[in-house]
């Protein structure tokens, strides 16, 4: 008799073969963080992996199966910024579609589609403890620098091309 499949626990990553199938067959849901210092500069990191490898991108990540947005936000801020922040501290920016021709596994024949929940968080550079697992380097840039740079991914630039809500 075959073993019954079980669901992952909140925050638990899928096995690589399962994750590859998810990327190939469905959109992923994620959170992007526009981390803004009091002087207006925004934090971006140079991605180590596909999609968007070697491009500067906002910090953030996927929401896992059975994980609430609130729990995902806390986990992602802890993992991406070194400190856990509550979602209530951030301002919701909107929902964005990110389409990439590549995928994390660098397999031919399928890209990656994210449905992204954008949030803005105000933090000072000295308050973050940035990990190096996903990003090779980090920089704080003015919006104009982000928009002018060919090293900043278009999906990151989209956050600064749309009119800001008051």
Protein backbone atom coordinates (compact mmCIF):
# COMPACT_ATOMS: atom_id res chain seq x y z
CA UNK A 1 0.00 0.00 0.00
CA UNK A 2 1.33 3.43 -0.98
CA UNK A 3 2.15 5.92 1.73
CA UNK A 4 -0.38 8.75 1.90
CA UNK A 5 0.91 12.15 0.81
CA UNK A 6 1.07 14.78 3.52
CA UNK A 7 1.04 18.54 3.38
CA UNK A 8 4.10 20.52 4.38
CA UNK A 9 4.10 22.41 7.65
CA UNK A 10 3.94 26.22 7.47
CA UNK A 11 7.35 27.58 6.46
CA UNK A 12 8.57 24.15 5.29
CA UNK A 13 10.25 24.04 1.87
CA UNK A 14 9.21 21.50 -0.72
CA UNK A 15 11.48 18.74 -1.95
CA UNK A 16 13.36 19.93 -5.08
CA UNK A 17 11.44 17.66 -7.48
CA UNK A 18 8.10 18.85 -6.04
CA UNK A 19 9.18 22.49 -6.18
CA UNK A 20 10.31 22.14 -9.79
CA UNK A 21 6.85 20.84 -10.71
CA UNK A 22 5.18 23.71 -8.87
CA UNK A 23 7.31 26.27 -10.74
CA UNK A 24 6.56 24.56 -14.05
CA UNK A 25 2.80 24.28 -13.47
CA UNK A 26 1.62 27.13 -11.23
CA UNK A 27 2.39 30.68 -10.12
CA UNK A 28 4.25 31.19 -6.87
CA UNK A 29 3.04 33.66 -4.24
CA UNK A 30 5.67 35.85 -2.64
CA UNK A 31 6.34 39.03 -0.69
CA UNK A 32 8.71 41.76 -1.87
CA UNK A 33 10.01 44.28 0.64
CA UNK A 34 10.75 47.85 -0.36
CA UNK A 35 13.03 48.59 2.59
CA UNK A 36 13.43 52.35 2.75
CA UNK A 37 15.81 54.37 4.93
CA UNK A 38 14.78 57.77 6.34
CA UNK A 39 16.86 59.49 3.62
CA UNK A 40 14.76 57.73 0.95
CA UNK A 41 17.34 55.19 -0.19
CA UNK A 42 16.10 51.66 -0.90
CA UNK A 43 17.81 48.36 -0.12
CA UNK A 44 18.53 45.99 -3.03
CA UNK A 45 20.64 42.85 -3.21
CA UNK A 46 22.43 41.20 -6.13
CA UNK A 47 20.72 37.82 -6.64
CA UNK A 48 22.88 34.69 -6.65
CA UNK A 49 20.31 32.42 -8.31
CA UNK A 50 17.79 32.29 -11.12
CA UNK A 51 15.45 33.80 -11.85
CA UNK A 52 17.14 37.21 -12.19
CA UNK A 53 20.62 35.96 -11.26
CA UNK A 54 23.23 38.73 -10.97
CA UNK A 55 20.59 41.47 -11.00
CA UNK A 56 19.84 43.81 -8.12
CA UNK A 57 16.44 43.04 -6.65
CA UNK A 58 14.38 43.81 -3.57
CA UNK A 59 14.59 41.44 -0.63
CA UNK A 60 11.70 39.08 0.03
CA UNK A 61 10.64 35.54 -0.72
CA UNK A 62 7.96 32.94 -1.19
CA UNK A 63 5.00 32.23 1.02
CA UNK A 64 4.91 28.50 1.76
CA UNK A 65 1.93 26.15 1.77
CA UNK A 66 -0.18 26.54 4.94
CA UNK A 67 1.69 29.73 5.95
CA UNK A 68 -0.34 32.90 6.55
CA UNK A 69 0.79 36.23 5.09
CA UNK A 70 1.42 37.44 8.64
CA UNK A 71 3.62 34.47 9.50
CA UNK A 72 5.40 34.65 6.13
CA UNK A 73 6.14 38.35 6.62
CA UNK A 74 7.69 37.69 10.05
CA UNK A 75 9.74 34.76 8.71
CA UNK A 76 10.92 36.66 5.63
CA UNK A 77 11.98 39.75 7.56
CA UNK A 78 13.88 37.52 9.99
CA UNK A 79 15.56 35.58 7.14
CA UNK A 80 16.15 38.53 4.79
CA UNK A 81 16.85 41.39 7.23
CA UNK A 82 18.14 39.57 10.31
CA UNK A 83 15.29 40.89 12.50
CA UNK A 84 11.65 39.87 12.65
CA UNK A 85 9.09 42.59 11.96
CA UNK A 86 5.29 42.38 12.11
CA UNK A 87 3.31 42.96 8.92
CA UNK A 88 1.45 45.79 10.69
CA UNK A 89 4.69 47.82 10.64
CA UNK A 90 4.69 47.82 6.83
CA UNK A 91 2.60 49.63 4.22
CA UNK A 92 0.94 47.47 1.57
CA UNK A 93 1.89 48.67 -1.94
CA UNK A 94 -0.18 46.32 -4.09
CA UNK A 95 -0.10 43.09 -6.06
CA UNK A 96 2.39 42.61 -8.90
CA UNK A 97 2.94 39.92 -11.54
CA UNK A 98 6.55 38.93 -12.15
CA UNK A 99 7.29 36.76 -15.18
CA UNK A 100 10.74 35.32 -15.85
CA UNK A 101 11.93 33.18 -18.78
CA UNK A 102 14.19 31.22 -16.40
CA UNK A 103 13.68 29.08 -13.30
CA UNK A 104 15.57 28.27 -10.09
CA UNK A 105 16.66 24.89 -11.47
CA UNK A 106 17.99 26.37 -14.74
CA UNK A 107 15.95 23.84 -16.72
CA UNK A 108 14.98 24.55 -20.31
CA UNK A 109 11.37 24.79 -21.38
CA UNK A 110 9.70 26.74 -18.58
CA UNK A 111 9.97 30.02 -16.74
CA UNK A 112 8.78 31.30 -13.40
CA UNK A 113 5.64 33.28 -12.59
CA UNK A 114 5.25 35.05 -9.24
CA UNK A 115 2.19 36.80 -7.88
CA UNK A 116 3.88 39.26 -5.54
CA UNK A 117 2.51 41.18 -2.57
CA UNK A 118 4.56 44.36 -2.26
CA UNK A 119 5.15 45.97 1.14
CA UNK A 120 7.20 48.99 2.19
CA UNK A 121 9.11 48.92 5.47
CA UNK A 122 10.99 51.89 6.94
CA UNK A 123 14.32 50.86 8.49
CA UNK A 124 17.72 52.38 8.96
CA UNK A 125 20.71 50.62 7.33
CA UNK A 126 22.45 50.02 10.65
CA UNK A 127 19.40 48.10 11.98
CA UNK A 128 19.58 45.28 9.44
CA UNK A 129 21.80 42.19 9.56
CA UNK A 130 21.86 41.06 5.94
CA UNK A 131 22.50 37.38 5.16
CA UNK A 132 24.49 36.22 2.13
CA UNK A 133 22.56 33.07 1.22
CA UNK A 134 20.44 34.64 -1.56
CA UNK A 135 22.35 37.84 -2.36
CA UNK A 136 26.04 38.32 -3.17
CA UNK A 137 26.03 42.00 -2.14
CA UNK A 138 23.65 44.69 -0.95
CA UNK A 139 23.44 48.39 -1.72
CA UNK A 140 21.20 51.26 -0.66
CA UNK A 141 20.20 53.37 -3.66
CA UNK A 142 18.05 56.39 -4.37
CA UNK A 143 14.97 55.72 -6.52
CA UNK A 144 16.52 57.62 -9.43
CA UNK A 145 19.65 55.43 -9.22
CA UNK A 146 17.50 52.29 -9.21
CA UNK A 147 15.55 53.43 -12.24
CA UNK A 148 18.70 54.44 -14.16
CA UNK A 149 20.73 51.32 -13.44
CA UNK A 150 20.86 48.48 -15.99
CA UNK A 151 21.83 46.20 -13.08
CA UNK A 152 18.47 46.67 -11.33
CA UNK A 153 15.82 44.22 -12.54
CA UNK A 154 12.74 45.63 -14.29
CA UNK A 155 10.44 43.96 -11.74
CA UNK A 156 12.13 45.98 -9.00
CA UNK A 157 11.91 49.18 -11.04
CA UNK A 158 8.13 48.67 -11.37
CA UNK A 159 7.67 49.59 -7.70
CA UNK A 160 9.08 53.05 -8.42
CA UNK A 161 7.38 53.70 -11.75
CA UNK A 162 3.85 53.52 -10.37
CA UNK A 163 2.49 56.53 -8.50
CA UNK A 164 2.93 56.19 -4.73
CA UNK A 165 -0.15 56.11 -2.54
CA UNK A 166 -0.29 58.68 0.22
